[in-house]
């Protein structure tokens, strides 16, 4: 799982709701979670309150494949490859995604 793709960490009450960048599903939210909000904070054992939003589809195999396609699209220097991956992503989401 990638942060800011299917898991989002925000300040308490900063946003009412979030949608997954991969499939567009409304994320589940846990409010006022006490803990680290980054790798550095974890290493330094710094905890603070935050809200955690997570896609309800994140554990599904198809969602992992869709996440990989999205990340490959963002990393690719080729417009043609990006277009082919976009078509694959659309097919995958049409088959499995939330309406």
N, C-alpha and C. Protein backbone atom coordinates (compact mmCIF):
# COMPACT_ATOMS: atom_id res chain seq x y z
N UNK A 1 0.83 -1.18 0.00
CA UNK A 1 0.00 0.00 0.00
C UNK A 1 0.87 1.25 0.00
N UNK A 2 0.46 2.20 -0.74
CA UNK A 2 1.20 3.44 -0.84
C UNK A 2 0.44 4.57 -0.18
N UNK A 3 1.15 5.33 0.63
CA UNK A 3 0.54 6.49 1.27
C UNK A 3 0.19 7.51 0.19
N UNK A 4 -0.92 8.17 0.35
CA UNK A 4 -1.47 9.15 -0.58
C UNK A 4 -1.89 8.55 -1.91
N UNK A 5 -2.06 7.22 -1.94
CA UNK A 5 -2.66 6.55 -3.08
C UNK A 5 -3.92 5.84 -2.60
N UNK A 6 -3.76 5.00 -1.57
CA UNK A 6 -4.92 4.31 -1.00
C UNK A 6 -5.00 4.45 0.52
N UNK A 7 -3.98 5.08 1.12
CA UNK A 7 -4.00 5.44 2.54
C UNK A 7 -3.62 6.91 2.63
N UNK A 8 -4.40 7.66 3.39
CA UNK A 8 -4.16 9.09 3.54
C UNK A 8 -4.12 9.44 5.01
N UNK A 9 -3.14 10.22 5.40
CA UNK A 9 -3.02 10.69 6.79
C UNK A 9 -3.19 12.21 6.77
N UNK A 10 -4.12 12.68 7.56
CA UNK A 10 -4.41 14.11 7.62
C UNK A 10 -4.54 14.55 9.07
N UNK A 11 -4.44 15.85 9.28
CA UNK A 11 -4.64 16.43 10.61
C UNK A 11 -6.08 16.14 11.05
N UNK A 12 -6.32 15.98 12.34
CA UNK A 12 -7.67 15.70 12.81
C UNK A 12 -8.67 16.76 12.32
N UNK A 13 -9.74 16.28 11.69
CA UNK A 13 -10.79 17.17 11.22
C UNK A 13 -10.44 18.00 10.00
N UNK A 14 -9.26 17.80 9.41
CA UNK A 14 -8.84 18.59 8.25
C UNK A 14 -9.78 18.40 7.06
N UNK A 15 -10.19 17.17 6.83
CA UNK A 15 -11.12 16.88 5.73
C UNK A 15 -12.23 15.96 6.23
N UNK A 16 -13.40 16.11 5.63
CA UNK A 16 -14.56 15.30 6.03
C UNK A 16 -14.49 13.91 5.43
N UNK A 17 -14.07 13.82 4.17
CA UNK A 17 -13.99 12.53 3.50
C UNK A 17 -12.93 12.58 2.41
N UNK A 18 -12.48 11.40 2.01
CA UNK A 18 -11.49 11.29 0.94
C UNK A 18 -11.87 10.12 0.05
N UNK A 19 -11.43 10.21 -1.18
CA UNK A 19 -11.67 9.13 -2.15
C UNK A 19 -10.33 8.56 -2.59
N UNK A 20 -10.31 7.26 -2.82
CA UNK A 20 -9.11 6.57 -3.25
C UNK A 20 -8.65 7.11 -4.61
N UNK A 21 -7.36 7.38 -4.75
CA UNK A 21 -6.82 7.85 -6.02
C UNK A 21 -6.80 6.74 -7.06
N UNK A 22 -6.90 5.51 -6.63
CA UNK A 22 -6.82 4.38 -7.56
C UNK A 22 -8.20 4.06 -8.14
N UNK A 23 -9.18 3.79 -7.27
CA UNK A 23 -10.48 3.31 -7.74
C UNK A 23 -11.62 4.30 -7.52
N UNK A 24 -11.38 5.35 -6.78
CA UNK A 24 -12.41 6.36 -6.54
C UNK A 24 -13.37 6.05 -5.42
N UNK A 25 -13.19 4.92 -4.73
CA UNK A 25 -14.09 4.55 -3.63
C UNK A 25 -13.95 5.53 -2.47
N UNK A 26 -15.05 5.72 -1.77
CA UNK A 26 -15.03 6.54 -0.56
C UNK A 26 -14.23 5.80 0.50
N UNK A 27 -13.22 6.45 1.06
CA UNK A 27 -12.34 5.81 2.03
C UNK A 27 -13.01 5.67 3.39
N UNK A 28 -12.63 4.60 4.07
CA UNK A 28 -13.03 4.42 5.47
C UNK A 28 -12.12 5.31 6.30
N UNK A 29 -12.61 5.82 7.41
CA UNK A 29 -11.82 6.75 8.21
C UNK A 29 -11.75 6.31 9.66
N UNK A 30 -10.56 6.47 10.25
CA UNK A 30 -10.38 6.32 11.69
C UNK A 30 -9.91 7.68 12.17
N UNK A 31 -10.66 8.27 13.06
CA UNK A 31 -10.38 9.64 13.53
C UNK A 31 -9.55 9.63 14.81
N UNK A 32 -8.75 10.68 14.96
CA UNK A 32 -7.96 10.92 16.17
C UNK A 32 -7.10 9.72 16.58
N UNK A 33 -6.45 9.11 15.60
CA UNK A 33 -5.52 8.01 15.87
C UNK A 33 -4.26 8.61 16.49
N UNK A 34 -3.78 8.02 17.56
CA UNK A 34 -2.55 8.51 18.19
C UNK A 34 -1.39 7.62 17.74
N UNK A 35 -0.41 8.23 17.08
CA UNK A 35 0.74 7.47 16.62
C UNK A 35 1.60 8.29 15.69
N UNK A 36 2.65 7.68 15.14
CA UNK A 36 3.53 8.40 14.21
C UNK A 36 2.82 8.64 12.88
N UNK A 37 3.18 9.70 12.20
CA UNK A 37 2.57 10.03 10.91
C UNK A 37 3.55 9.94 9.75
N UNK A 38 4.78 9.52 10.03
CA UNK A 38 5.79 9.37 8.98
C UNK A 38 6.84 8.37 9.46
N UNK A 39 7.70 7.97 8.54
CA UNK A 39 8.79 7.06 8.90
C UNK A 39 9.71 7.71 9.91
N UNK A 40 10.05 8.98 9.69
CA UNK A 40 10.92 9.69 10.62
C UNK A 40 10.33 9.81 12.01
N UNK A 41 9.03 10.11 12.07
CA UNK A 41 8.36 10.20 13.37
C UNK A 41 8.33 8.85 14.06
N UNK A 42 8.19 7.79 13.27
CA UNK A 42 8.20 6.45 13.84
C UNK A 42 9.57 6.13 14.45
N UNK A 43 10.63 6.45 13.73
CA UNK A 43 11.99 6.19 14.22
C UNK A 43 12.27 7.01 15.48
N UNK A 44 11.75 8.23 15.53
CA UNK A 44 11.96 9.11 16.69
C UNK A 44 10.93 8.88 17.79
N UNK A 45 10.02 7.95 17.55
CA UNK A 45 8.95 7.61 18.51
C UNK A 45 8.08 8.84 18.85
N UNK A 46 7.82 9.64 17.83
CA UNK A 46 6.96 10.81 17.99
C UNK A 46 5.53 10.42 17.62
N UNK A 47 4.62 10.66 18.53
CA UNK A 47 3.21 10.34 18.30
C UNK A 47 2.39 11.61 18.34
N UNK A 48 1.41 11.67 17.45
CA UNK A 48 0.46 12.78 17.50
C UNK A 48 -0.86 12.31 16.92
N UNK A 49 -1.91 13.02 17.26
CA UNK A 49 -3.25 12.67 16.78
C UNK A 49 -3.36 12.98 15.29
N UNK A 50 -4.02 12.09 14.56
CA UNK A 50 -4.25 12.29 13.14
C UNK A 50 -5.43 11.43 12.70
N UNK A 51 -5.96 11.74 11.53
CA UNK A 51 -7.03 10.95 10.93
C UNK A 51 -6.41 10.08 9.85
N UNK A 52 -6.85 8.82 9.76
CA UNK A 52 -6.34 7.88 8.76
C UNK A 52 -7.50 7.48 7.86
N UNK A 53 -7.35 7.73 6.57
CA UNK A 53 -8.34 7.34 5.57
C UNK A 53 -7.73 6.20 4.77
N UNK A 54 -8.52 5.13 4.54
CA UNK A 54 -8.01 3.99 3.78
C UNK A 54 -9.09 3.47 2.84
N UNK A 55 -8.68 3.12 1.64
CA UNK A 55 -9.61 2.57 0.66
C UNK A 55 -10.13 1.22 1.14
N UNK A 56 -11.45 1.00 1.07
CA UNK A 56 -12.01 -0.29 1.49
C UNK A 56 -11.62 -1.44 0.56
N UNK A 57 -11.11 -1.11 -0.62
CA UNK A 57 -10.72 -2.14 -1.59
C UNK A 57 -9.22 -2.43 -1.57
N UNK A 58 -8.48 -1.78 -0.69
CA UNK A 58 -7.01 -1.86 -0.72
C UNK A 58 -6.47 -3.28 -0.62
N UNK A 59 -7.15 -4.18 0.05
CA UNK A 59 -6.66 -5.55 0.22
C UNK A 59 -6.99 -6.46 -0.96
N UNK A 60 -7.78 -5.98 -1.90
CA UNK A 60 -8.17 -6.81 -3.05
C UNK A 60 -7.02 -6.91 -4.06
N UNK A 61 -6.86 -8.09 -4.65
CA UNK A 61 -5.79 -8.29 -5.64
C UNK A 61 -5.92 -7.32 -6.81
N UNK A 62 -7.14 -7.13 -7.31
CA UNK A 62 -7.34 -6.24 -8.45
C UNK A 62 -6.93 -4.81 -8.11
N UNK A 63 -7.11 -4.42 -6.85
CA UNK A 63 -6.76 -3.06 -6.44
C UNK A 63 -5.25 -2.89 -6.42
N UNK A 64 -4.54 -3.94 -6.00
CA UNK A 64 -3.08 -3.90 -6.05
C UNK A 64 -2.57 -3.77 -7.47
N UNK A 65 -3.20 -4.49 -8.39
CA UNK A 65 -2.82 -4.39 -9.80
C UNK A 65 -3.11 -2.99 -10.33
N UNK A 66 -4.26 -2.44 -9.97
CA UNK A 66 -4.62 -1.09 -10.41
C UNK A 66 -3.64 -0.06 -9.84
N UNK A 67 -3.22 -0.26 -8.59
CA UNK A 67 -2.24 0.65 -7.96
C UNK A 67 -0.92 0.60 -8.72
N UNK A 68 -0.48 -0.60 -9.07
CA UNK A 68 0.77 -0.74 -9.82
C UNK A 68 0.67 -0.07 -11.18
N UNK A 69 -0.47 -0.22 -11.86
CA UNK A 69 -0.65 0.45 -13.15
C UNK A 69 -0.59 1.97 -12.99
N UNK A 70 -1.29 2.49 -11.99
CA UNK A 70 -1.29 3.94 -11.76
C UNK A 70 0.13 4.45 -11.50
N UNK A 71 0.88 3.73 -10.68
CA UNK A 71 2.24 4.17 -10.37
C UNK A 71 3.15 4.05 -11.60
N UNK A 72 2.96 3.00 -12.39
CA UNK A 72 3.75 2.85 -13.62
C UNK A 72 3.43 3.98 -14.60
N UNK A 73 2.16 4.38 -14.66
CA UNK A 73 1.78 5.49 -15.53
C UNK A 73 2.46 6.78 -15.10
N UNK A 74 2.53 7.00 -13.79
CA UNK A 74 3.14 8.22 -13.27
C UNK A 74 4.65 8.22 -13.52
N UNK A 75 5.26 7.03 -13.55
CA UNK A 75 6.72 6.92 -13.72
C UNK A 75 7.17 6.83 -15.17
N UNK A 76 6.27 6.52 -16.07
CA UNK A 76 6.65 6.28 -17.46
C UNK A 76 6.93 7.57 -18.22
N UNK A 77 8.03 7.58 -18.98
CA UNK A 77 8.30 8.73 -19.83
C UNK A 77 7.58 8.65 -21.18
N UNK A 78 6.92 7.52 -21.46
CA UNK A 78 6.31 7.28 -22.76
C UNK A 78 4.81 7.57 -22.74
N UNK A 79 4.38 8.51 -23.56
CA UNK A 79 2.96 8.83 -23.66
C UNK A 79 2.17 7.66 -24.24
N UNK A 80 2.75 6.92 -25.17
CA UNK A 80 2.07 5.78 -25.77
C UNK A 80 1.85 4.66 -24.75
N UNK A 81 2.87 4.37 -23.96
CA UNK A 81 2.73 3.34 -22.93
C UNK A 81 1.71 3.77 -21.87
N UNK A 82 1.75 5.03 -21.52
CA UNK A 82 0.79 5.54 -20.54
C UNK A 82 -0.64 5.37 -21.05
N UNK A 83 -0.86 5.63 -22.32
CA UNK A 83 -2.21 5.47 -22.88
C UNK A 83 -2.65 4.00 -22.84
N UNK A 84 -1.75 3.08 -23.16
CA UNK A 84 -2.09 1.65 -23.09
C UNK A 84 -2.39 1.23 -21.65
N UNK A 85 -1.57 1.71 -20.71
CA UNK A 85 -1.81 1.38 -19.30
C UNK A 85 -3.12 2.00 -18.81
N UNK A 86 -3.44 3.19 -19.29
CA UNK A 86 -4.70 3.84 -18.92
C UNK A 86 -5.88 3.00 -19.38
N UNK A 87 -5.79 2.44 -20.58
CA UNK A 87 -6.86 1.57 -21.08
C UNK A 87 -6.98 0.30 -20.23
N UNK A 88 -5.84 -0.29 -19.85
CA UNK A 88 -5.85 -1.46 -18.97
C UNK A 88 -6.48 -1.11 -17.62
N UNK A 89 -6.12 0.03 -17.09
CA UNK A 89 -6.66 0.47 -15.80
C UNK A 89 -8.17 0.68 -15.89
N UNK A 90 -8.62 1.30 -16.96
CA UNK A 90 -10.06 1.51 -17.14
C UNK A 90 -10.81 0.18 -17.19
N UNK A 91 -10.25 -0.80 -17.93
CA UNK A 91 -10.88 -2.12 -18.01
C UNK A 91 -10.95 -2.77 -16.64
N UNK A 92 -9.87 -2.70 -15.89
CA UNK A 92 -9.79 -3.31 -14.57
C UNK A 92 -10.82 -2.67 -13.63
N UNK A 93 -10.91 -1.35 -13.65
CA UNK A 93 -11.85 -0.66 -12.77
C UNK A 93 -13.29 -0.89 -13.21
N UNK A 94 -13.52 -0.99 -14.49
CA UNK A 94 -14.86 -1.27 -15.00
C UNK A 94 -15.32 -2.65 -14.51
N UNK A 95 -14.39 -3.60 -14.47
CA UNK A 95 -14.72 -4.96 -14.05
C UNK A 95 -14.90 -5.08 -12.54
N UNK A 96 -14.06 -4.36 -11.75
CA UNK A 96 -14.05 -4.56 -10.31
C UNK A 96 -14.39 -3.33 -9.48
N UNK A 97 -14.20 -2.16 -10.02
CA UNK A 97 -14.29 -0.94 -9.24
C UNK A 97 -15.70 -0.62 -8.78
N UNK A 98 -15.76 0.35 -7.87
CA UNK A 98 -17.07 0.77 -7.33
C UNK A 98 -17.82 1.64 -8.33
N UNK A 99 -18.81 1.07 -8.97
CA UNK A 99 -19.70 1.76 -9.89
C UNK A 99 -19.09 2.89 -10.56
